[in-house]
């Protein structure tokens, strides 16, 4: 855990005992290490979040593509069926007209 140390003036540090200075340096080193660990962990967390977000977006895109393609195919099938039915109906009408005129 980060230990907050107060700032020291130059004169205070110069007049400090060697042992106090060593302790200060050790605290600073510890704080620096903890800070690096925290930053590294945050980077890992963001990478995981990014992967999860990308995965969810890819799933949504795939789902949307299926819906769009399916709806388009269904509409094309409907148009093809309507066209075929209209053609058959026109063909049958033509046959009836030919029979009537013969």
PDB file of N, CA and C in Angstrom:
ATOM      1  N   UNK A   1       0.842  -1.178   0.000  1.00  0.00           N
ATOM      2  CA  UNK A   1       0.000   0.000   0.000  1.00  0.00           C
ATOM      3  C   UNK A   1       0.887   1.241   0.000  1.00  0.00           C
ATOM      4  N   UNK A   2       0.419   2.278  -0.700  1.00  0.00           N
ATOM      5  CA  UNK A   2       1.196   3.511  -0.768  1.00  0.00           C
ATOM      6  C   UNK A   2       1.240   4.198   0.593  1.00  0.00           C
ATOM      7  N   UNK A   3       2.419   4.582   0.967  1.00  0.00           N
ATOM      8  CA  UNK A   3       2.591   5.343   2.208  1.00  0.00           C
ATOM      9  C   UNK A   3       2.894   6.779   1.824  1.00  0.00           C
ATOM     10  N   UNK A   4       2.067   7.664   2.284  1.00  0.00           N
ATOM     11  CA  UNK A   4       2.250   9.069   1.938  1.00  0.00           C
ATOM     12  C   UNK A   4       3.288   9.673   2.866  1.00  0.00           C
ATOM     13  N   UNK A   5       4.291  10.243   2.259  1.00  0.00           N
ATOM     14  CA  UNK A   5       5.359  10.895   3.028  1.00  0.00           C
ATOM     15  C   UNK A   5       5.284  12.387   2.782  1.00  0.00           C
ATOM     16  N   UNK A   6       5.528  13.155   3.800  1.00  0.00           N
ATOM     17  CA  UNK A   6       5.519  14.606   3.625  1.00  0.00           C
ATOM     18  C   UNK A   6       6.784  15.031   2.880  1.00  0.00           C
ATOM     19  N   UNK A   7       6.679  16.164   2.218  1.00  0.00           N
ATOM     20  CA  UNK A   7       7.845  16.700   1.519  1.00  0.00           C
ATOM     21  C   UNK A   7       8.806  17.307   2.539  1.00  0.00           C
ATOM     22  N   UNK A   8      10.077  17.151   2.264  1.00  0.00           N
ATOM     23  CA  UNK A   8      11.097  17.704   3.159  1.00  0.00           C
ATOM     24  C   UNK A   8      11.869  18.797   2.446  1.00  0.00           C
ATOM     25  N   UNK A   9      12.189  19.808   3.175  1.00  0.00           N
ATOM     26  CA  UNK A   9      13.020  20.882   2.616  1.00  0.00           C
ATOM     27  C   UNK A   9      14.465  20.402   2.566  1.00  0.00           C
ATOM     28  N   UNK A  10      15.198  20.999   1.697  1.00  0.00           N
ATOM     29  CA  UNK A  10      16.607  20.639   1.522  1.00  0.00           C
ATOM     30  C   UNK A  10      17.374  20.744   2.839  1.00  0.00           C
ATOM     31  N   UNK A  11      17.145  21.798   3.585  1.00  0.00           N
ATOM     32  CA  UNK A  11      17.879  21.975   4.853  1.00  0.00           C
ATOM     33  C   UNK A  11      17.539  20.877   5.847  1.00  0.00           C
ATOM     34  N   UNK A  12      16.286  20.454   5.828  1.00  0.00           N
ATOM     35  CA  UNK A  12      15.877  19.363   6.726  1.00  0.00           C
ATOM     36  C   UNK A  12      16.605  18.084   6.351  1.00  0.00           C
ATOM     37  N   UNK A  13      16.680  17.796   5.054  1.00  0.00           N
ATOM     38  CA  UNK A  13      17.354  16.581   4.605  1.00  0.00           C
ATOM     39  C   UNK A  13      18.851  16.637   4.899  1.00  0.00           C
ATOM     40  N   UNK A  14      19.453  17.793   4.709  1.00  0.00           N
ATOM     41  CA  UNK A  14      20.890  17.932   4.963  1.00  0.00           C
ATOM     42  C   UNK A  14      21.195  17.714   6.443  1.00  0.00           C
ATOM     43  N   UNK A  15      20.309  18.173   7.284  1.00  0.00           N
ATOM     44  CA  UNK A  15      20.557  18.031   8.726  1.00  0.00           C
ATOM     45  C   UNK A  15      20.102  16.674   9.274  1.00  0.00           C
ATOM     46  N   UNK A  16      19.472  15.857   8.423  1.00  0.00           N
ATOM     47  CA  UNK A  16      18.979  14.555   8.889  1.00  0.00           C
ATOM     48  C   UNK A  16      20.126  13.579   9.109  1.00  0.00           C
ATOM     49  N   UNK A  17      19.857  12.628   9.975  1.00  0.00           N
ATOM     50  CA  UNK A  17      20.830  11.559  10.207  1.00  0.00           C
ATOM     51  C   UNK A  17      20.822  10.621   9.008  1.00  0.00           C
ATOM     52  N   UNK A  18      21.922   9.938   8.847  1.00  0.00           N
ATOM     53  CA  UNK A  18      22.063   8.994   7.739  1.00  0.00           C
ATOM     54  C   UNK A  18      20.962   7.933   7.805  1.00  0.00           C
ATOM     55  N   UNK A  19      20.678   7.438   8.985  1.00  0.00           N
ATOM     56  CA  UNK A  19      19.653   6.400   9.153  1.00  0.00           C
ATOM     57  C   UNK A  19      18.279   6.914   8.712  1.00  0.00           C
ATOM     58  N   UNK A  20      17.966   8.169   9.045  1.00  0.00           N
ATOM     59  CA  UNK A  20      16.685   8.750   8.627  1.00  0.00           C
ATOM     60  C   UNK A  20      16.611   8.878   7.104  1.00  0.00           C
ATOM     61  N   UNK A  21      17.727   9.267   6.510  1.00  0.00           N
ATOM     62  CA  UNK A  21      17.765   9.391   5.054  1.00  0.00           C
ATOM     63  C   UNK A  21      17.589   8.035   4.373  1.00  0.00           C
ATOM     64  N   UNK A  22      18.247   7.025   4.941  1.00  0.00           N
ATOM     65  CA  UNK A  22      18.114   5.671   4.393  1.00  0.00           C
ATOM     66  C   UNK A  22      16.658   5.221   4.497  1.00  0.00           C
ATOM     67  N   UNK A  23      16.024   5.495   5.622  1.00  0.00           N
ATOM     68  CA  UNK A  23      14.610   5.137   5.790  1.00  0.00           C
ATOM     69  C   UNK A  23      13.730   5.863   4.770  1.00  0.00           C
ATOM     70  N   UNK A  24      14.017   7.133   4.562  1.00  0.00           N
ATOM     71  CA  UNK A  24      13.260   7.905   3.571  1.00  0.00           C
ATOM     72  C   UNK A  24      13.421   7.299   2.177  1.00  0.00           C
ATOM     73  N   UNK A  25      14.653   6.950   1.844  1.00  0.00           N
ATOM     74  CA  UNK A  25      14.924   6.354   0.529  1.00  0.00           C
ATOM     75  C   UNK A  25      14.199   5.024   0.391  1.00  0.00           C
ATOM     76  N   UNK A  26      14.208   4.233   1.453  1.00  0.00           N
ATOM     77  CA  UNK A  26      13.523   2.937   1.412  1.00  0.00           C
ATOM     78  C   UNK A  26      12.010   3.124   1.240  1.00  0.00           C
ATOM     79  N   UNK A  27      11.455   4.117   1.914  1.00  0.00           N
ATOM     80  CA  UNK A  27      10.026   4.408   1.745  1.00  0.00           C
ATOM     81  C   UNK A  27       9.729   4.842   0.309  1.00  0.00           C
ATOM     82  N   UNK A  28      10.581   5.681  -0.220  1.00  0.00           N
ATOM     83  CA  UNK A  28      10.393   6.137  -1.598  1.00  0.00           C
ATOM     84  C   UNK A  28      10.494   4.979  -2.587  1.00  0.00           C
ATOM     85  N   UNK A  29      11.458   4.111  -2.355  1.00  0.00           N
ATOM     86  CA  UNK A  29      11.614   2.943  -3.223  1.00  0.00           C
ATOM     87  C   UNK A  29      10.377   2.050  -3.138  1.00  0.00           C
ATOM     88  N   UNK A  30       9.909   1.840  -1.920  1.00  0.00           N
ATOM     89  CA  UNK A  30       8.705   1.023  -1.725  1.00  0.00           C
ATOM     90  C   UNK A  30       7.510   1.652  -2.460  1.00  0.00           C
ATOM     91  N   UNK A  31       7.320   2.951  -2.255  1.00  0.00           N
ATOM     92  CA  UNK A  31       6.207   3.641  -2.912  1.00  0.00           C
ATOM     93  C   UNK A  31       6.314   3.555  -4.431  1.00  0.00           C
ATOM     94  N   UNK A  32       7.525   3.689  -4.939  1.00  0.00           N
ATOM     95  CA  UNK A  32       7.747   3.585  -6.373  1.00  0.00           C
ATOM     96  C   UNK A  32       7.382   2.187  -6.882  1.00  0.00           C
ATOM     97  N   UNK A  33       7.804   1.162  -6.150  1.00  0.00           N
ATOM     98  CA  UNK A  33       7.489  -0.214  -6.547  1.00  0.00           C
ATOM     99  C   UNK A  33       5.986  -0.472  -6.517  1.00  0.00           C
ATOM    100  N   UNK A  34       5.339   0.017  -5.471  1.00  0.00           N
ATOM    101  CA  UNK A  34       3.889  -0.161  -5.368  1.00  0.00           C
ATOM    102  C   UNK A  34       3.187   0.563  -6.509  1.00  0.00           C
ATOM    103  N   UNK A  35       3.654   1.753  -6.813  1.00  0.00           N
ATOM    104  CA  UNK A  35       3.069   2.518  -7.914  1.00  0.00           C
ATOM    105  C   UNK A  35       3.214   1.763  -9.233  1.00  0.00           C
ATOM    106  N   UNK A  36       4.397   1.223  -9.490  1.00  0.00           N
ATOM    107  CA  UNK A  36       4.612   0.453 -10.722  1.00  0.00           C
ATOM    108  C   UNK A  36       3.706  -0.772 -10.762  1.00  0.00           C
ATOM    109  N   UNK A  37       3.589  -1.474  -9.644  1.00  0.00           N
ATOM    110  CA  UNK A  37       2.704  -2.644  -9.590  1.00  0.00           C
ATOM    111  C   UNK A  37       1.256  -2.246  -9.864  1.00  0.00           C
ATOM    112  N   UNK A  38       0.840  -1.138  -9.281  1.00  0.00           N
ATOM    113  CA  UNK A  38      -0.533  -0.664  -9.475  1.00  0.00           C
ATOM    114  C   UNK A  38      -0.780  -0.305 -10.934  1.00  0.00           C
ATOM    115  N   UNK A  39       0.160   0.397 -11.534  1.00  0.00           N
ATOM    116  CA  UNK A  39       0.020   0.777 -12.944  1.00  0.00           C
ATOM    117  C   UNK A  39      -0.002  -0.464 -13.829  1.00  0.00           C
ATOM    118  N   UNK A  40       0.881  -1.418 -13.552  1.00  0.00           N
ATOM    119  CA  UNK A  40       0.903  -2.652 -14.346  1.00  0.00           C
ATOM    120  C   UNK A  40      -0.413  -3.405 -14.218  1.00  0.00           C
ATOM    121  N   UNK A  41      -0.975  -3.443 -13.019  1.00  0.00           N
ATOM    122  CA  UNK A  41      -2.254  -4.124 -12.811  1.00  0.00           C
ATOM    123  C   UNK A  41      -3.374  -3.404 -13.560  1.00  0.00           C
ATOM    124  N   UNK A  42      -3.336  -2.084 -13.546  1.00  0.00           N
ATOM    125  CA  UNK A  42      -4.344  -1.321 -14.284  1.00  0.00           C
ATOM    126  C   UNK A  42      -4.246  -1.589 -15.780  1.00  0.00           C
ATOM    127  N   UNK A  43      -3.035  -1.692 -16.277  1.00  0.00           N
ATOM    128  CA  UNK A  43      -2.847  -2.004 -17.699  1.00  0.00           C
ATOM    129  C   UNK A  43      -3.470  -3.362 -18.016  1.00  0.00           C
ATOM    130  N   UNK A  44      -3.212  -4.352 -17.170  1.00  0.00           N
ATOM    131  CA  UNK A  44      -3.791  -5.685 -17.379  1.00  0.00           C
ATOM    132  C   UNK A  44      -5.317  -5.632 -17.317  1.00  0.00           C
ATOM    133  N   UNK A  45      -5.839  -4.882 -16.360  1.00  0.00           N
ATOM    134  CA  UNK A  45      -7.294  -4.750 -16.238  1.00  0.00           C
ATOM    135  C   UNK A  45      -7.892  -4.125 -17.496  1.00  0.00           C
ATOM    136  N   UNK A  46      -7.252  -3.076 -18.006  1.00  0.00           N
ATOM    137  CA  UNK A  46      -7.749  -2.430 -19.216  1.00  0.00           C
ATOM    138  C   UNK A  46      -7.664  -3.364 -20.414  1.00  0.00           C
ATOM    139  N   UNK A  47      -6.607  -4.153 -20.492  1.00  0.00           N
ATOM    140  CA  UNK A  47      -6.489  -5.113 -21.594  1.00  0.00           C
ATOM    141  C   UNK A  47      -7.628  -6.124 -21.546  1.00  0.00           C
ATOM    142  N   UNK A  48      -7.934  -6.618 -20.347  1.00  0.00           N
ATOM    143  CA  UNK A  48      -9.033  -7.575 -20.205  1.00  0.00           C
ATOM    144  C   UNK A  48     -10.364  -6.924 -20.567  1.00  0.00           C
ATOM    145  N   UNK A  49     -10.567  -5.699 -20.104  1.00  0.00           N
ATOM    146  CA  UNK A  49     -11.798  -4.986 -20.433  1.00  0.00           C
ATOM    147  C   UNK A  49     -11.917  -4.788 -21.939  1.00  0.00           C
ATOM    148  N   UNK A  50     -10.796  -4.435 -22.561  1.00  0.00           N
ATOM    149  CA  UNK A  50     -10.793  -4.220 -24.004  1.00  0.00           C
ATOM    150  C   UNK A  50     -11.168  -5.508 -24.738  1.00  0.00           C
ATOM    151  N   UNK A  51     -10.583  -6.634 -24.306  1.00  0.00           N
ATOM    152  CA  UNK A  51     -10.902  -7.918 -24.936  1.00  0.00           C
ATOM    153  C   UNK A  51     -12.379  -8.239 -24.784  1.00  0.00           C
ATOM    154  N   UNK A  52     -12.921  -8.014 -23.575  1.00  0.00           N
ATOM    155  CA  UNK A  52     -14.338  -8.296 -23.341  1.00  0.00           C
ATOM    156  C   UNK A  52     -15.231  -7.400 -24.186  1.00  0.00           C
ATOM    157  N   UNK A  53     -14.873  -6.137 -24.283  1.00  0.00           N
ATOM    158  CA  UNK A  53     -15.668  -5.203 -25.087  1.00  0.00           C
ATOM    159  C   UNK A  53     -15.622  -5.603 -26.556  1.00  0.00           C
ATOM    160  N   UNK A  54     -14.429  -5.926 -27.047  1.00  0.00           N
ATOM    161  CA  UNK A  54     -14.289  -6.334 -28.452  1.00  0.00           C
ATOM    162  C   UNK A  54     -15.089  -7.605 -28.714  1.00  0.00           C
ATOM    163  N   UNK A  55     -15.026  -8.556 -27.786  1.00  0.00           N
ATOM    164  CA  UNK A  55     -15.766  -9.810 -27.948  1.00  0.00           C
ATOM    165  C   UNK A  55     -17.269  -9.542 -28.013  1.00  0.00           C
ATOM    166  N   UNK A  56     -17.767  -8.704 -27.100  1.00  0.00           N
ATOM    167  CA  UNK A  56     -19.200  -8.389 -27.100  1.00  0.00           C
ATOM    168  C   UNK A  56     -19.608  -7.669 -28.384  1.00  0.00           C
ATOM    169  N   UNK A  57     -18.764  -6.747 -28.841  1.00  0.00           N
ATOM    170  CA  UNK A  57     -19.074  -6.037 -30.085  1.00  0.00           C
ATOM    171  C   UNK A  57     -19.088  -6.992 -31.276  1.00  0.00           C
ATOM    172  N   UNK A  58     -18.132  -7.916 -31.308  1.00  0.00           N
ATOM    173  CA  UNK A  58     -18.092  -8.887 -32.405  1.00  0.00           C
ATOM    174  C   UNK A  58     -19.335  -9.775 -32.389  1.00  0.00           C
ATOM    175  N   UNK A  59     -19.772 -10.169 -31.179  1.00  0.00           N
ATOM    176  CA  UNK A  59     -20.988 -10.978 -31.068  1.00  0.00           C
ATOM    177  C   UNK A  59     -22.201 -10.198 -31.562  1.00  0.00           C
ATOM    178  N   UNK A  60     -22.279  -8.931 -31.183  1.00  0.00           N
ATOM    179  CA  UNK A  60     -23.415  -8.106 -31.618  1.00  0.00           C
ATOM    180  C   UNK A  60     -23.391  -7.890 -33.126  1.00  0.00           C
ATOM    181  N   UNK A  61     -22.193  -7.680 -33.668  1.00  0.00           N
ATOM    182  CA  UNK A  61     -22.075  -7.495 -35.119  1.00  0.00           C
ATOM    183  C   UNK A  61     -22.506  -8.764 -35.842  1.00  0.00           C
ATOM    184  N   UNK A  62     -22.045  -9.916 -35.351  1.00  0.00           N
ATOM    185  CA  UNK A  62     -22.414 -11.190 -35.974  1.00  0.00           C
ATOM    186  C   UNK A  62     -23.926 -11.392 -35.909  1.00  0.00           C
ATOM    187  N   UNK A  63     -24.499 -11.073 -34.770  1.00  0.00           N
ATOM    188  CA  UNK A  63     -25.946 -11.206 -34.605  1.00  0.00           C
ATOM    189  C   UNK A  63     -26.685 -10.269 -35.555  1.00  0.00           C
ATOM    190  N   UNK A  64     -26.212  -9.044 -35.651  1.00  0.00           N
ATOM    191  CA  UNK A  64     -26.842  -8.072 -36.555  1.00  0.00           C
ATOM    192  C   UNK A  64     -26.708  -8.518 -38.008  1.00  0.00           C
ATOM    193  N   UNK A  65     -25.545  -9.071 -38.359  1.00  0.00           N
ATOM    194  CA  UNK A  65     -25.343  -9.551 -39.733  1.00  0.00           C
ATOM    195  C   UNK A  65     -26.326 -10.668 -40.059  1.00  0.00           C
ATOM    196  N   UNK A  66     -26.535 -11.578 -39.089  1.00  0.00           N
ATOM    197  CA  UNK A  66     -27.482 -12.674 -39.315  1.00  0.00           C
ATOM    198  C   UNK A  66     -28.880 -12.128 -39.549  1.00  0.00           C
ATOM    199  N   UNK A  67     -29.271 -11.166 -38.722  1.00  0.00           N
ATOM    200  CA  UNK A  67     -30.605 -10.583 -38.862  1.00  0.00           C
ATOM    201  C   UNK A  67     -30.735  -9.879 -40.207  1.00  0.00           C
ATOM    202  N   UNK A  68     -29.735  -9.081 -40.554  1.00  0.00           N
ATOM    203  CA  UNK A  68     -29.782  -8.333 -41.814  1.00  0.00           C
ATOM    204  C   UNK A  68     -29.810  -9.288 -43.003  1.00  0.00           C
ATOM    205  N   UNK A  69     -28.931 -10.288 -42.997  1.00  0.00           N
ATOM    206  CA  UNK A  69     -28.872 -11.246 -44.103  1.00  0.00           C
ATOM    207  C   UNK A  69     -30.154 -12.057 -44.163  1.00  0.00           C
ATOM    208  N   UNK A  70     -30.635 -12.528 -43.011  1.00  0.00           N
ATOM    209  CA  UNK A  70     -31.856 -13.331 -42.979  1.00  0.00           C
ATOM    210  C   UNK A  70     -33.038 -12.524 -43.487  1.00  0.00           C
ATOM    211  N   UNK A  71     -33.168 -11.285 -43.010  1.00  0.00           N
ATOM    212  CA  UNK A  71     -34.278 -10.452 -43.463  1.00  0.00           C
ATOM    213  C   UNK A  71     -34.188 -10.185 -44.965  1.00  0.00           C
ATOM    214  N   UNK A  72     -32.972  -9.944 -45.450  1.00  0.00           N
ATOM    215  CA  UNK A  72     -32.792  -9.706 -46.887  1.00  0.00           C
ATOM    216  C   UNK A  72     -33.153 -10.948 -47.688  1.00  0.00           C
ATOM    217  N   UNK A  73     -32.690 -12.096 -47.218  1.00  0.00           N
ATOM    218  CA  UNK A  73     -32.994 -13.355 -47.914  1.00  0.00           C
ATOM    219  C   UNK A  73     -34.490 -13.638 -47.876  1.00  0.00           C
ATOM    220  N   UNK A  74     -35.111 -13.404 -46.721  1.00  0.00           N
ATOM    221  CA  UNK A  74     -36.553 -13.619 -46.611  1.00  0.00           C
ATOM    222  C   UNK A  74     -37.308 -12.708 -47.582  1.00  0.00           C
ATOM    223  N   UNK A  75     -36.874 -11.456 -47.682  1.00  0.00           N
ATOM    224  CA  UNK A  75     -37.522 -10.510 -48.596  1.00  0.00           C
ATOM    225  C   UNK A  75     -37.322 -10.950 -50.042  1.00  0.00           C
ATOM    226  N   UNK A  76     -36.106 -11.404 -50.384  1.00  0.00           N
ATOM    227  CA  UNK A  76     -35.853 -11.890 -51.744  1.00  0.00           C
ATOM    228  C   UNK A  76     -36.699 -13.121 -52.051  1.00  0.00           C
ATOM    229  N   UNK A  77     -36.827 -14.024 -51.081  1.00  0.00           N
ATOM    230  CA  UNK A  77     -37.681 -15.201 -51.263  1.00  0.00           C
ATOM    231  C   UNK A  77     -39.125 -14.782 -51.519  1.00  0.00           C
ATOM    232  N   UNK A  78     -39.585 -13.811 -50.743  1.00  0.00           N
ATOM    233  CA  UNK A  78     -40.956 -13.325 -50.901  1.00  0.00           C
ATOM    234  C   UNK A  78     -41.159 -12.728 -52.298  1.00  0.00           C
ATOM    235  N   UNK A  79     -40.202 -11.918 -52.741  1.00  0.00           N
ATOM    236  CA  UNK A  79     -40.288 -11.311 -54.077  1.00  0.00           C
ATOM    237  C   UNK A  79     -40.262 -12.391 -55.153  1.00  0.00           C
ATOM    238  N   UNK A  80     -39.371 -13.378 -54.992  1.00  0.00           N
ATOM    239  CA  UNK A  80     -39.272 -14.467 -55.973  1.00  0.00           C
ATOM    240  C   UNK A  80     -40.570 -15.263 -56.017  1.00  0.00           C
ATOM    241  N   UNK A  81     -41.129 -15.562 -54.854  1.00  0.00           N
ATOM    242  CA  UNK A  81     -42.394 -16.313 -54.811  1.00  0.00           C
ATOM    243  C   UNK A  81     -43.526 -15.513 -55.454  1.00  0.00           C
ATOM    244  N   UNK A  82     -43.601 -14.216 -55.122  1.00  0.00           N
ATOM    245  CA  UNK A  82     -44.643 -13.369 -55.713  1.00  0.00           C
ATOM    246  C   UNK A  82     -44.488 -13.298 -57.227  1.00  0.00           C
ATOM    247  N   UNK A  83     -43.248 -13.165 -57.689  1.00  0.00           N
ATOM    248  CA  UNK A  83     -42.981 -13.096 -59.125  1.00  0.00           C
ATOM    249  C   UNK A  83     -43.359 -14.411 -59.796  1.00  0.00           C
ATOM    250  N   UNK A  84     -42.987 -15.523 -59.171  1.00  0.00           N
ATOM    251  CA  UNK A  84     -43.316 -16.837 -59.736  1.00  0.00           C
ATOM    252  C   UNK A  84     -44.828 -17.031 -59.784  1.00  0.00           C
ATOM    253  N   UNK A  85     -45.510 -16.660 -58.713  1.00  0.00           N
ATOM    254  CA  UNK A  85     -46.972 -16.799 -58.688  1.00  0.00           C
ATOM    255  C   UNK A  85     -47.620 -15.916 -59.751  1.00  0.00           C
ATOM    256  N   UNK A  86     -47.105 -14.695 -59.900  1.00  0.00           N
ATOM    257  CA  UNK A  86     -47.645 -13.790 -60.919  1.00  0.00           C
ATOM    258  C   UNK A  86     -47.393 -14.345 -62.317  1.00  0.00           C
ATOM    259  N   UNK A  87     -46.215 -14.912 -62.538  1.00  0.00           N
ATOM    260  CA  UNK A  87     -45.891 -15.492 -63.844  1.00  0.00           C
ATOM    261  C   UNK A  87     -46.804 -16.681 -64.137  1.00  0.00           C
ATOM    262  N   UNK A  88     -46.984 -17.550 -63.139  1.00  0.00           N
ATOM    263  CA  UNK A  88     -47.844 -18.732 -63.321  1.00  0.00           C
ATOM    264  C   UNK A  88     -49.278 -18.287 -63.606  1.00  0.00           C
ATOM    265  N   UNK A  89     -49.727 -17.299 -62.855  1.00  0.00           N
ATOM    266  CA  UNK A  89     -51.085 -16.789 -63.059  1.00  0.00           C
ATOM    267  C   UNK A  89     -51.234 -16.203 -64.457  1.00  0.00           C
ATOM    268  N   UNK A  90     -50.260 -15.426 -64.894  1.00  0.00           N
ATOM    269  CA  UNK A  90     -50.308 -14.836 -66.236  1.00  0.00           C
ATOM    270  C   UNK A  90     -50.251 -15.926 -67.300  1.00  0.00           C
ATOM    271  N   UNK A  91     -49.448 -16.946 -67.070  1.00  0.00           N
ATOM    272  CA  UNK A  91     -49.328 -18.063 -68.011  1.00  0.00           C
ATOM    273  C   UNK A  91     -50.665 -18.796 -68.118  1.00  0.00           C
ATOM    274  N   UNK A  92     -51.311 -19.042 -66.964  1.00  0.00           N
ATOM    275  CA  UNK A  92     -52.605 -19.729 -66.966  1.00  0.00           C
ATOM    276  C   UNK A  92     -53.671 -18.866 -67.651  1.00  0.00           C
ATOM    277  N   UNK A  93     -53.628 -17.559 -67.399  1.00  0.00           N
ATOM    278  CA  UNK A  93     -54.569 -16.658 -68.076  1.00  0.00           C
ATOM    279  C   UNK A  93     -54.348 -16.702 -69.586  1.00  0.00           C
ATOM    280  N   UNK A  94     -53.086 -16.735 -69.991  1.00  0.00           N
ATOM    281  CA  UNK A  94     -52.773 -16.799 -71.424  1.00  0.00           C
ATOM    282  C   UNK A  94     -53.315 -18.089 -72.030  1.00  0.00           C
ATOM    283  N   UNK A  95     -53.188 -19.189 -71.313  1.00  0.00           N
ATOM    284  CA  UNK A  95     -53.697 -20.478 -71.803  1.00  0.00           C
ATOM    285  C   UNK A  95     -55.214 -20.399 -71.962  1.00  0.00           C
ATOM    286  N   UNK A  96     -55.897 -19.814 -70.994  1.00  0.00           N
ATOM    287  CA  UNK A  96     -57.351 -19.683 -71.055  1.00  0.00           C
ATOM    288  C   UNK A  96     -57.772 -18.825 -72.248  1.00  0.00           C
ATOM    289  N   UNK A  97     -57.032 -17.736 -72.464  1.00  0.00           N
ATOM    290  CA  UNK A  97     -57.358 -16.856 -73.591  1.00  0.00           C
ATOM    291  C   UNK A  97     -57.167 -17.595 -74.904  1.00  0.00           C
ATOM    292  N   UNK A  98     -56.086 -18.369 -74.997  1.00  0.00           N
ATOM    293  CA  UNK A  98     -55.823 -19.139 -76.221  1.00  0.00           C
ATOM    294  C   UNK A  98     -56.929 -20.159 -76.434  1.00  0.00           C
ATOM    295  N   UNK A  99     -57.366 -20.828 -75.370  1.00  0.00           N
ATOM    296  CA  UNK A  99     -58.432 -21.830 -75.479  1.00  0.00           C
ATOM    297  C   UNK A  99     -59.733 -21.169 -75.945  1.00  0.00           C
ATOM    298  N   UNK A 100     -60.014 -19.999 -75.408  1.00  0.00           N
ATOM    299  CA  UNK A 100     -61.256 -19.306 -75.753  1.00  0.00           C
ATOM    300  C   UNK A 100     -61.244 -18.824 -77.201  1.00  0.00           C
ATOM    301  N   UNK A 101     -60.097 -18.457 -77.697  1.00  0.00           N
ATOM    302  CA  UNK A 101     -60.005 -17.939 -79.066  1.00  0.00           C
ATOM    303  C   UNK A 101     -59.860 -19.053 -80.100  1.00  0.00           C
ATOM    304  N   UNK A 102     -59.605 -20.252 -79.640  1.00  0.00           N
ATOM    305  CA  UNK A 102     -59.409 -21.343 -80.598  1.00  0.00           C
ATOM    306  C   UNK A 102     -60.703 -21.936 -81.059  1.00  0.00           C
TER     307      UNK A 102
END
